[in-house]
Amino acid sequence: YGPDPNAVYPNDAIKSVCFIKNVITRPSILVGEYTY
């Protein structure tokens, strides 16, 4: 039902777009699913 919200790249063919939630490391940055 859409891309995997836990993937870094929602579309492997478009590496310029990433889901932010899956690349942040700081606990002081909180990002919801599907935000890119």
PDB file of all heavy atoms in Angstrom:
ATOM      1  N   TYR A   1       0.846  -1.189   0.000  1.00  0.00           N
ATOM      2  CA  TYR A   1       0.000   0.000   0.000  1.00  0.00           C
ATOM      3  C   TYR A   1       0.886   1.245   0.000  1.00  0.00           C
ATOM      4  O   TYR A   1       0.756   2.106   0.847  1.00  0.00           O
ATOM      5  CB  TYR A   1      -0.927  -0.011   1.202  1.00  0.00           C
ATOM      6  CG  TYR A   1      -1.950  -1.126   1.178  1.00  0.00           C
ATOM      7  CD1 TYR A   1      -1.763  -2.279   1.915  1.00  0.00           C
ATOM      8  CD2 TYR A   1      -3.097  -0.997   0.399  1.00  0.00           C
ATOM      9  CE1 TYR A   1      -2.708  -3.292   1.893  1.00  0.00           C
ATOM     10  CE2 TYR A   1      -4.053  -2.012   0.362  1.00  0.00           C
ATOM     11  CZ  TYR A   1      -3.845  -3.166   1.113  1.00  0.00           C
ATOM     12  OH  TYR A   1      -4.782  -4.162   1.078  1.00  0.00           O
ATOM     13  N   GLY A   2       1.796   1.307  -0.977  1.00  0.00           N
ATOM     14  CA  GLY A   2       2.723   2.418  -1.047  1.00  0.00           C
ATOM     15  C   GLY A   2       4.133   1.966  -0.723  1.00  0.00           C
ATOM     16  O   GLY A   2       4.398   0.792  -0.442  1.00  0.00           O
ATOM     17  N   PRO A   3       5.087   2.915  -0.725  1.00  0.00           N
ATOM     18  CA  PRO A   3       6.490   2.580  -0.439  1.00  0.00           C
ATOM     19  C   PRO A   3       6.678   2.194   1.021  1.00  0.00           C
ATOM     20  O   PRO A   3       5.869   2.526   1.884  1.00  0.00           O
ATOM     21  CB  PRO A   3       7.234   3.874  -0.775  1.00  0.00           C
ATOM     22  CG  PRO A   3       6.215   4.943  -0.561  1.00  0.00           C
ATOM     23  CD  PRO A   3       4.901   4.349  -0.984  1.00  0.00           C
ATOM     24  N   ASP A   4       7.770   1.504   1.273  1.00  0.00           N
ATOM     25  CA  ASP A   4       8.126   1.099   2.633  1.00  0.00           C
ATOM     26  C   ASP A   4       8.534   2.337   3.426  1.00  0.00           C
ATOM     27  O   ASP A   4       9.524   2.992   3.088  1.00  0.00           O
ATOM     28  CB  ASP A   4       9.280   0.101   2.578  1.00  0.00           C
ATOM     29  CG  ASP A   4       9.725  -0.369   3.951  1.00  0.00           C
ATOM     30  OD1 ASP A   4       9.152   0.085   4.969  1.00  0.00           O
ATOM     31  OD2 ASP A   4      10.667  -1.186   4.011  1.00  0.00           O
ATOM     32  N   PRO A   5       7.815   2.697   4.485  1.00  0.00           N
ATOM     33  CA  PRO A   5       8.176   3.896   5.249  1.00  0.00           C
ATOM     34  C   PRO A   5       9.505   3.788   5.974  1.00  0.00           C
ATOM     35  O   PRO A   5      10.040   4.794   6.439  1.00  0.00           O
ATOM     36  CB  PRO A   5       7.011   4.046   6.243  1.00  0.00           C
ATOM     37  CG  PRO A   5       6.460   2.674   6.391  1.00  0.00           C
ATOM     38  CD  PRO A   5       6.628   2.021   5.050  1.00  0.00           C
ATOM     39  N   ASN A   6      10.054   2.571   6.037  1.00  0.00           N
ATOM     40  CA  ASN A   6      11.337   2.367   6.713  1.00  0.00           C
ATOM     41  C   ASN A   6      12.511   2.304   5.741  1.00  0.00           C
ATOM     42  O   ASN A   6      13.642   2.052   6.155  1.00  0.00           O
ATOM     43  CB  ASN A   6      11.286   1.084   7.547  1.00  0.00           C
ATOM     44  CG  ASN A   6      10.258   1.186   8.666  1.00  0.00           C
ATOM     45  OD1 ASN A   6      10.244   2.154   9.416  1.00  0.00           O
ATOM     46  ND2 ASN A   6       9.394   0.194   8.767  1.00  0.00           N
ATOM     47  N   ALA A   7      12.239   2.539   4.465  1.00  0.00           N
ATOM     48  CA  ALA A   7      13.310   2.550   3.461  1.00  0.00           C
ATOM     49  C   ALA A   7      13.987   3.918   3.444  1.00  0.00           C
ATOM     50  O   ALA A   7      13.351   4.945   3.691  1.00  0.00           O
ATOM     51  CB  ALA A   7      12.743   2.234   2.083  1.00  0.00           C
ATOM     52  N   VAL A   8      15.283   3.942   3.150  1.00  0.00           N
ATOM     53  CA  VAL A   8      15.976   5.223   2.987  1.00  0.00           C
ATOM     54  C   VAL A   8      15.490   5.908   1.716  1.00  0.00           C
ATOM     55  O   VAL A   8      15.150   7.099   1.730  1.00  0.00           O
ATOM     56  CB  VAL A   8      17.501   5.015   2.945  1.00  0.00           C
ATOM     57  CG1 VAL A   8      18.209   6.323   2.576  1.00  0.00           C
ATOM     58  CG2 VAL A   8      18.005   4.520   4.293  1.00  0.00           C
ATOM     59  N   TYR A   9      15.448   5.139   0.616  1.00  0.00           N
ATOM     60  CA  TYR A   9      14.980   5.686  -0.658  1.00  0.00           C
ATOM     61  C   TYR A   9      13.620   5.073  -0.974  1.00  0.00           C
ATOM     62  O   TYR A   9      13.524   3.872  -1.216  1.00  0.00           O
ATOM     63  CB  TYR A   9      15.959   5.368  -1.789  1.00  0.00           C
ATOM     64  CG  TYR A   9      17.379   5.760  -1.491  1.00  0.00           C
ATOM     65  CD1 TYR A   9      18.337   4.802  -1.179  1.00  0.00           C
ATOM     66  CD2 TYR A   9      17.768   7.100  -1.511  1.00  0.00           C
ATOM     67  CE1 TYR A   9      19.644   5.159  -0.897  1.00  0.00           C
ATOM     68  CE2 TYR A   9      19.069   7.467  -1.224  1.00  0.00           C
ATOM     69  CZ  TYR A   9      20.001   6.487  -0.919  1.00  0.00           C
ATOM     70  OH  TYR A   9      21.294   6.856  -0.628  1.00  0.00           O
ATOM     71  N   PRO A  10      12.553   5.854  -0.991  1.00  0.00           N
ATOM     72  CA  PRO A  10      11.244   5.292  -1.310  1.00  0.00           C
ATOM     73  C   PRO A  10      11.190   4.687  -2.709  1.00  0.00           C
ATOM     74  O   PRO A  10      10.485   3.715  -2.932  1.00  0.00           O
ATOM     75  CB  PRO A  10      10.295   6.484  -1.181  1.00  0.00           C
ATOM     76  CG  PRO A  10      11.159   7.692  -1.255  1.00  0.00           C
ATOM     77  CD  PRO A  10      12.482   7.296  -0.692  1.00  0.00           C
ATOM     78  N   ASN A  11      11.948   5.278  -3.623  1.00  0.00           N
ATOM     79  CA  ASN A  11      12.031   4.775  -4.986  1.00  0.00           C
ATOM     80  C   ASN A  11      13.503   4.586  -5.319  1.00  0.00           C
ATOM     81  O   ASN A  11      14.257   5.564  -5.426  1.00  0.00           O
ATOM     82  CB  ASN A  11      11.379   5.767  -5.954  1.00  0.00           C
ATOM     83  CG  ASN A  11      11.310   5.249  -7.378  1.00  0.00           C
ATOM     84  OD1 ASN A  11      12.082   4.375  -7.769  1.00  0.00           O
ATOM     85  ND2 ASN A  11      10.390   5.784  -8.159  1.00  0.00           N
ATOM     86  N   ASP A  12      13.940   3.345  -5.479  1.00  0.00           N
ATOM     87  CA  ASP A  12      15.360   3.061  -5.718  1.00  0.00           C
ATOM     88  C   ASP A  12      15.895   3.711  -6.985  1.00  0.00           C
ATOM     89  O   ASP A  12      17.102   3.877  -7.143  1.00  0.00           O
ATOM     90  CB  ASP A  12      15.591   1.543  -5.795  1.00  0.00           C
ATOM     91  CG  ASP A  12      15.627   0.910  -4.409  1.00  0.00           C
ATOM     92  OD1 ASP A  12      16.000   1.608  -3.446  1.00  0.00           O
ATOM     93  OD2 ASP A  12      15.263  -0.280  -4.292  1.00  0.00           O
ATOM     94  N   ALA A  13      14.999   4.107  -7.880  1.00  0.00           N
ATOM     95  CA  ALA A  13      15.427   4.736  -9.129  1.00  0.00           C
ATOM     96  C   ALA A  13      15.675   6.235  -8.951  1.00  0.00           C
ATOM     97  O   ALA A  13      16.190   6.889  -9.851  1.00  0.00           O
ATOM     98  CB  ALA A  13      14.391   4.506 -10.223  1.00  0.00           C
ATOM     99  N   ILE A  14      15.307   6.778  -7.784  1.00  0.00           N
ATOM    100  CA  ILE A  14      15.474   8.222  -7.542  1.00  0.00           C
ATOM    101  C   ILE A  14      16.259   8.398  -6.253  1.00  0.00           C
ATOM    102  O   ILE A  14      15.685   8.522  -5.163  1.00  0.00           O
ATOM    103  CB  ILE A  14      14.108   8.950  -7.452  1.00  0.00           C
ATOM    104  CG1 ILE A  14      13.252   8.633  -8.683  1.00  0.00           C
ATOM    105  CG2 ILE A  14      14.310  10.458  -7.318  1.00  0.00           C
ATOM    106  CD1 ILE A  14      11.848   9.221  -8.629  1.00  0.00           C
ATOM    107  N   LYS A  15      17.588   8.411  -6.367  1.00  0.00           N
ATOM    108  CA  LYS A  15      18.440   8.472  -5.177  1.00  0.00           C
ATOM    109  C   LYS A  15      18.582   9.885  -4.618  1.00  0.00           C
ATOM    110  O   LYS A  15      19.263  10.082  -3.608  1.00  0.00           O
ATOM    111  CB  LYS A  15      19.836   7.930  -5.516  1.00  0.00           C
ATOM    112  CG  LYS A  15      19.853   6.462  -5.913  1.00  0.00           C
ATOM    113  CD  LYS A  15      19.472   5.543  -4.761  1.00  0.00           C
ATOM    114  CE  LYS A  15      19.705   4.085  -5.140  1.00  0.00           C
ATOM    115  NZ  LYS A  15      19.332   3.157  -4.055  1.00  0.00           N
ATOM    116  N   SER A  16      17.955  10.857  -5.266  1.00  0.00           N
ATOM    117  CA  SER A  16      18.005  12.224  -4.735  1.00  0.00           C
ATOM    118  C   SER A  16      16.944  12.457  -3.657  1.00  0.00           C
ATOM    119  O   SER A  16      16.943  13.509  -3.012  1.00  0.00           O
ATOM    120  CB  SER A  16      17.803  13.247  -5.859  1.00  0.00           C
ATOM    121  OG  SER A  16      16.517  13.105  -6.440  1.00  0.00           O
ATOM    122  N   VAL A  17      16.062  11.486  -3.474  1.00  0.00           N
ATOM    123  CA  VAL A  17      14.968  11.620  -2.511  1.00  0.00           C
ATOM    124  C   VAL A  17      15.100  10.547  -1.440  1.00  0.00           C
ATOM    125  O   VAL A  17      15.216   9.350  -1.763  1.00  0.00           O
ATOM    126  CB  VAL A  17      13.595  11.488  -3.212  1.00  0.00           C
ATOM    127  CG1 VAL A  17      12.467  11.431  -2.194  1.00  0.00           C
ATOM    128  CG2 VAL A  17      13.383  12.635  -4.188  1.00  0.00           C
ATOM    129  N   CYS A  18      15.085  10.969  -0.179  1.00  0.00           N
ATOM    130  CA  CYS A  18      15.127   9.990   0.900  1.00  0.00           C
ATOM    131  C   CYS A  18      14.098  10.330   1.967  1.00  0.00           C
ATOM    132  O   CYS A  18      13.723  11.497   2.145  1.00  0.00           O
ATOM    133  CB  CYS A  18      16.520   9.879   1.519  1.00  0.00           C
ATOM    134  SG  CYS A  18      16.944  11.184   2.681  1.00  0.00           S
ATOM    135  N   PHE A  19      13.630   9.302   2.658  1.00  0.00           N
ATOM    136  CA  PHE A  19      12.778   9.496   3.815  1.00  0.00           C
ATOM    137  C   PHE A  19      13.662   9.905   4.989  1.00  0.00           C
ATOM    138  O   PHE A  19      14.510   9.137   5.446  1.00  0.00           O
ATOM    139  CB  PHE A  19      12.010   8.215   4.146  1.00  0.00           C
ATOM    140  CG  PHE A  19      10.841   7.934   3.241  1.00  0.00           C
ATOM    141  CD1 PHE A  19      10.389   6.638   3.065  1.00  0.00           C
ATOM    142  CD2 PHE A  19      10.167   8.959   2.601  1.00  0.00           C
ATOM    143  CE1 PHE A  19       9.289   6.365   2.257  1.00  0.00           C
ATOM    144  CE2 PHE A  19       9.072   8.702   1.780  1.00  0.00           C
ATOM    145  CZ  PHE A  19       8.634   7.396   1.596  1.00  0.00           C
ATOM    146  N   ILE A  20      13.460  11.111   5.495  1.00  0.00           N
ATOM    147  CA  ILE A  20      14.368  11.686   6.493  1.00  0.00           C
ATOM    148  C   ILE A  20      14.435  10.848   7.764  1.00  0.00           C
ATOM    149  O   ILE A  20      15.507  10.676   8.348  1.00  0.00           O
ATOM    150  CB  ILE A  20      13.923  13.124   6.842  1.00  0.00           C
ATOM    151  CG1 ILE A  20      13.992  14.019   5.601  1.00  0.00           C
ATOM    152  CG2 ILE A  20      14.802  13.710   7.949  1.00  0.00           C
ATOM    153  CD1 ILE A  20      13.387  15.399   5.818  1.00  0.00           C
ATOM    154  N   LYS A  21      13.300  10.328   8.181  1.00  0.00           N
ATOM    155  CA  LYS A  21      13.250   9.572   9.439  1.00  0.00           C
ATOM    156  C   LYS A  21      14.304   8.477   9.495  1.00  0.00           C
ATOM    157  O   LYS A  21      14.823   8.152  10.578  1.00  0.00           O
ATOM    158  CB  LYS A  21      11.859   8.951   9.593  1.00  0.00           C
ATOM    159  CG  LYS A  21      11.663   8.068  10.822  1.00  0.00           C
ATOM    160  CD  LYS A  21      10.259   7.506  10.887  1.00  0.00           C
ATOM    161  CE  LYS A  21      10.029   6.404   9.871  1.00  0.00           C
ATOM    162  NZ  LYS A  21      10.762   5.148  10.172  1.00  0.00           N
ATOM    163  N   ASN A  22      14.633   7.934   8.329  1.00  0.00           N
ATOM    164  CA  ASN A  22      15.511   6.769   8.282  1.00  0.00           C
ATOM    165  C   ASN A  22      16.989   7.107   8.139  1.00  0.00           C
ATOM    166  O   ASN A  22      17.811   6.198   8.033  1.00  0.00           O
ATOM    167  CB  ASN A  22      15.052   5.848   7.146  1.00  0.00           C
ATOM    168  CG  ASN A  22      13.596   5.468   7.300  1.00  0.00           C
ATOM    169  OD1 ASN A  22      13.143   5.183   8.403  1.00  0.00           O
ATOM    170  ND2 ASN A  22      12.847   5.488   6.207  1.00  0.00           N
ATOM    171  N   VAL A  23      17.335   8.399   8.140  1.00  0.00           N
ATOM    172  CA  VAL A  23      18.751   8.775   8.046  1.00  0.00           C
ATOM    173  C   VAL A  23      19.205   9.659   9.208  1.00  0.00           C
ATOM    174  O   VAL A  23      20.396   9.935   9.335  1.00  0.00           O
ATOM    175  CB  VAL A  23      19.064   9.481   6.703  1.00  0.00           C
ATOM    176  CG1 VAL A  23      18.797   8.541   5.533  1.00  0.00           C
ATOM    177  CG2 VAL A  23      18.290  10.777   6.539  1.00  0.00           C
ATOM    178  N   ILE A  24      18.293  10.126  10.041  1.00  0.00           N
ATOM    179  CA  ILE A  24      18.709  10.984  11.149  1.00  0.00           C
ATOM    180  C   ILE A  24      19.288  10.152  12.282  1.00  0.00           C
ATOM    181  O   ILE A  24      18.906   9.006  12.496  1.00  0.00           O
ATOM    182  CB  ILE A  24      17.549  11.871  11.667  1.00  0.00           C
ATOM    183  CG1 ILE A  24      16.369  11.022  12.115  1.00  0.00           C
ATOM    184  CG2 ILE A  24      17.136  12.889  10.626  1.00  0.00           C
ATOM    185  CD1 ILE A  24      15.264  11.817  12.762  1.00  0.00           C
ATOM    186  N   THR A  25      20.231  10.762  13.007  1.00  0.00           N
ATOM    187  CA  THR A  25      20.881  10.084  14.139  1.00  0.00           C
ATOM    188  C   THR A  25      20.690  10.837  15.447  1.00  0.00           C
ATOM    189  O   THR A  25      20.868  10.252  16.513  1.00  0.00           O
ATOM    190  CB  THR A  25      22.391   9.944  13.876  1.00  0.00           C
ATOM    191  OG1 THR A  25      22.984  11.253  13.750  1.00  0.00           O
ATOM    192  CG2 THR A  25      22.655   9.150  12.597  1.00  0.00           C
ATOM    193  N   ARG A  26      20.351  12.113  15.385  1.00  0.00           N
ATOM    194  CA  ARG A  26      20.221  12.908  16.606  1.00  0.00           C
ATOM    195  C   ARG A  26      18.855  12.689  17.251  1.00  0.00           C
ATOM    196  O   ARG A  26      17.825  12.841  16.589  1.00  0.00           O
ATOM    197  CB  ARG A  26      20.368  14.403  16.303  1.00  0.00           C
ATOM    198  CG  ARG A  26      21.670  14.814  15.667  1.00  0.00           C
ATOM    199  CD  ARG A  26      21.677  16.338  15.506  1.00  0.00           C
ATOM    200  NE  ARG A  26      22.447  16.742  14.347  1.00  0.00           N
ATOM    201  CZ  ARG A  26      22.394  17.950  13.812  1.00  0.00           C
ATOM    202  NH1 ARG A  26      21.603  18.877  14.339  1.00  0.00           N
ATOM    203  NH2 ARG A  26      23.125  18.254  12.758  1.00  0.00           N
ATOM    204  N   PRO A  27      18.825  12.377  18.537  1.00  0.00           N
ATOM    205  CA  PRO A  27      17.529  12.208  19.210  1.00  0.00           C
ATOM    206  C   PRO A  27      16.743  13.503  19.329  1.00  0.00           C
ATOM    207  O   PRO A  27      15.539  13.474  19.599  1.00  0.00           O
ATOM    208  CB  PRO A  27      17.917  11.664  20.592  1.00  0.00           C
ATOM    209  CG  PRO A  27      19.339  12.060  20.786  1.00  0.00           C
ATOM    210  CD  PRO A  27      19.963  12.073  19.426  1.00  0.00           C
ATOM    211  N   SER A  28      17.399  14.640  19.095  1.00  0.00           N
ATOM    212  CA  SER A  28      16.722  15.936  19.188  1.00  0.00           C
ATOM    213  C   SER A  28      16.073  16.356  17.861  1.00  0.00           C
ATOM    214  O   SER A  28      15.542  17.462  17.750  1.00  0.00           O
ATOM    215  CB  SER A  28      17.710  17.008  19.635  1.00  0.00           C
ATOM    216  OG  SER A  28      18.868  16.996  18.827  1.00  0.00           O
ATOM    217  N   ILE A  29      16.124  15.467  16.852  1.00  0.00           N
ATOM    218  CA  ILE A  29      15.408  15.689  15.595  1.00  0.00           C
ATOM    219  C   ILE A  29      14.382  14.583  15.452  1.00  0.00           C
ATOM    220  O   ILE A  29      14.730  13.399  15.405  1.00  0.00           O
ATOM    221  CB  ILE A  29      16.351  15.699  14.383  1.00  0.00           C
ATOM    222  CG1 ILE A  29      17.421  16.785  14.522  1.00  0.00           C
ATOM    223  CG2 ILE A  29      15.561  15.911  13.088  1.00  0.00           C
ATOM    224  CD1 ILE A  29      18.437  16.789  13.395  1.00  0.00           C
ATOM    225  N   LEU A  30      13.110  14.947  15.409  1.00  0.00           N
ATOM    226  CA  LEU A  30      12.017  13.980  15.331  1.00  0.00           C
ATOM    227  C   LEU A  30      11.250  14.215  14.032  1.00  0.00           C
ATOM    228  O   LEU A  30      10.769  15.324  13.779  1.00  0.00           O
ATOM    229  CB  LEU A  30      11.076  14.146  16.525  1.00  0.00           C
ATOM    230  CG  LEU A  30      11.739  14.123  17.910  1.00  0.00           C
ATOM    231  CD1 LEU A  30      10.726  14.464  18.989  1.00  0.00           C
ATOM    232  CD2 LEU A  30      12.368  12.763  18.177  1.00  0.00           C
ATOM    233  N   VAL A  31      11.146  13.173  13.210  1.00  0.00           N
ATOM    234  CA  VAL A  31      10.520  13.314  11.896  1.00  0.00           C
ATOM    235  C   VAL A  31       9.517  12.184  11.691  1.00  0.00           C
ATOM    236  O   VAL A  31       9.790  11.019  11.992  1.00  0.00           O
ATOM    237  CB  VAL A  31      11.572  13.283  10.769  1.00  0.00           C
ATOM    238  CG1 VAL A  31      10.911  13.483   9.411  1.00  0.00           C
ATOM    239  CG2 VAL A  31      12.636  14.355  10.994  1.00  0.00           C
ATOM    240  N   GLY A  32       8.347  12.524  11.145  1.00  0.00           N
ATOM    241  CA  GLY A  32       7.312  11.541  10.893  1.00  0.00           C
ATOM    242  C   GLY A  32       7.549  10.737   9.623  1.00  0.00           C
ATOM    243  O   GLY A  32       8.382  11.081   8.778  1.00  0.00           O
ATOM    244  N   GLU A  33       6.773   9.671   9.481  1.00  0.00           N
ATOM    245  CA  GLU A  33       6.895   8.788   8.325  1.00  0.00           C
ATOM    246  C   GLU A  33       6.525   9.503   7.024  1.00  0.00           C
ATOM    247  O   GLU A  33       5.675  10.392   7.003  1.00  0.00           O
ATOM    248  CB  GLU A  33       5.997   7.567   8.509  1.00  0.00           C
ATOM    249  CG  GLU A  33       6.482   6.624   9.600  1.00  0.00           C
ATOM    250  CD  GLU A  33       5.658   5.366   9.678  1.00  0.00           C
ATOM    251  OE1 GLU A  33       4.482   5.395   9.261  1.00  0.00           O
ATOM    252  OE2 GLU A  33       6.178   4.354  10.170  1.00  0.00           O
ATOM    253  N   TYR A  34       7.205   9.102   5.967  1.00  0.00           N
ATOM    254  CA  TYR A  34       6.974   9.537   4.592  1.00  0.00           C
ATOM    255  C   TYR A  34       7.443  10.963   4.305  1.00  0.00           C
ATOM    256  O   TYR A  34       7.337  11.426   3.163  1.00  0.00           O
ATOM    257  CB  TYR A  34       5.494   9.404   4.187  1.00  0.00           C
ATOM    258  CG  TYR A  34       4.962   7.994   4.323  1.00  0.00           C
ATOM    259  CD1 TYR A  34       4.126   7.644   5.384  1.00  0.00           C
ATOM    260  CD2 TYR A  34       5.302   6.998   3.406  1.00  0.00           C
ATOM    261  CE1 TYR A  34       3.639   6.356   5.532  1.00  0.00           C
ATOM    262  CE2 TYR A  34       4.816   5.706   3.539  1.00  0.00           C
ATOM    263  CZ  TYR A  34       3.992   5.391   4.607  1.00  0.00           C
ATOM    264  OH  TYR A  34       3.518   4.112   4.745  1.00  0.00           O
ATOM    265  N   THR A  35       7.949  11.667   5.283  1.00  0.00           N
ATOM    266  CA  THR A  35       8.507  13.002   5.022  1.00  0.00           C
ATOM    267  C   THR A  35       9.847  12.839   4.318  1.00  0.00           C
ATOM    268  O   THR A  35      10.704  12.070   4.771  1.00  0.00           O
ATOM    269  CB  THR A  35       8.671  13.776   6.334  1.00  0.00           C
ATOM    270  OG1 THR A  35       7.380  14.217   6.761  1.00  0.00           O
ATOM    271  CG2 THR A  35       9.575  14.982   6.177  1.00  0.00           C
ATOM    272  N   TYR A  36      10.019  13.570   3.212  1.00  0.00           N
ATOM    273  CA  TYR A  36      11.246  13.375   2.437  1.00  0.00           C
ATOM    274  C   TYR A  36      12.018  14.677   2.246  1.00  0.00           C
ATOM    275  O   TYR A  36      11.478  15.780   2.334  1.00  0.00           O
ATOM    276  CB  TYR A  36      10.938  12.750   1.077  1.00  0.00           C
ATOM    277  CG  TYR A  36      10.261  13.644   0.067  1.00  0.00           C
ATOM    278  CD1 TYR A  36      10.984  14.557  -0.703  1.00  0.00           C
ATOM    279  CD2 TYR A  36       8.891  13.550  -0.157  1.00  0.00           C
ATOM    280  CE1 TYR A  36      10.374  15.365  -1.642  1.00  0.00           C
ATOM    281  CE2 TYR A  36       8.265  14.357  -1.112  1.00  0.00           C
ATOM    282  CZ  TYR A  36       9.012  15.265  -1.849  1.00  0.00           C
ATOM    283  OH  TYR A  36       8.408  16.060  -2.784  1.00  0.00           O
TER     284      TYR A  36
END
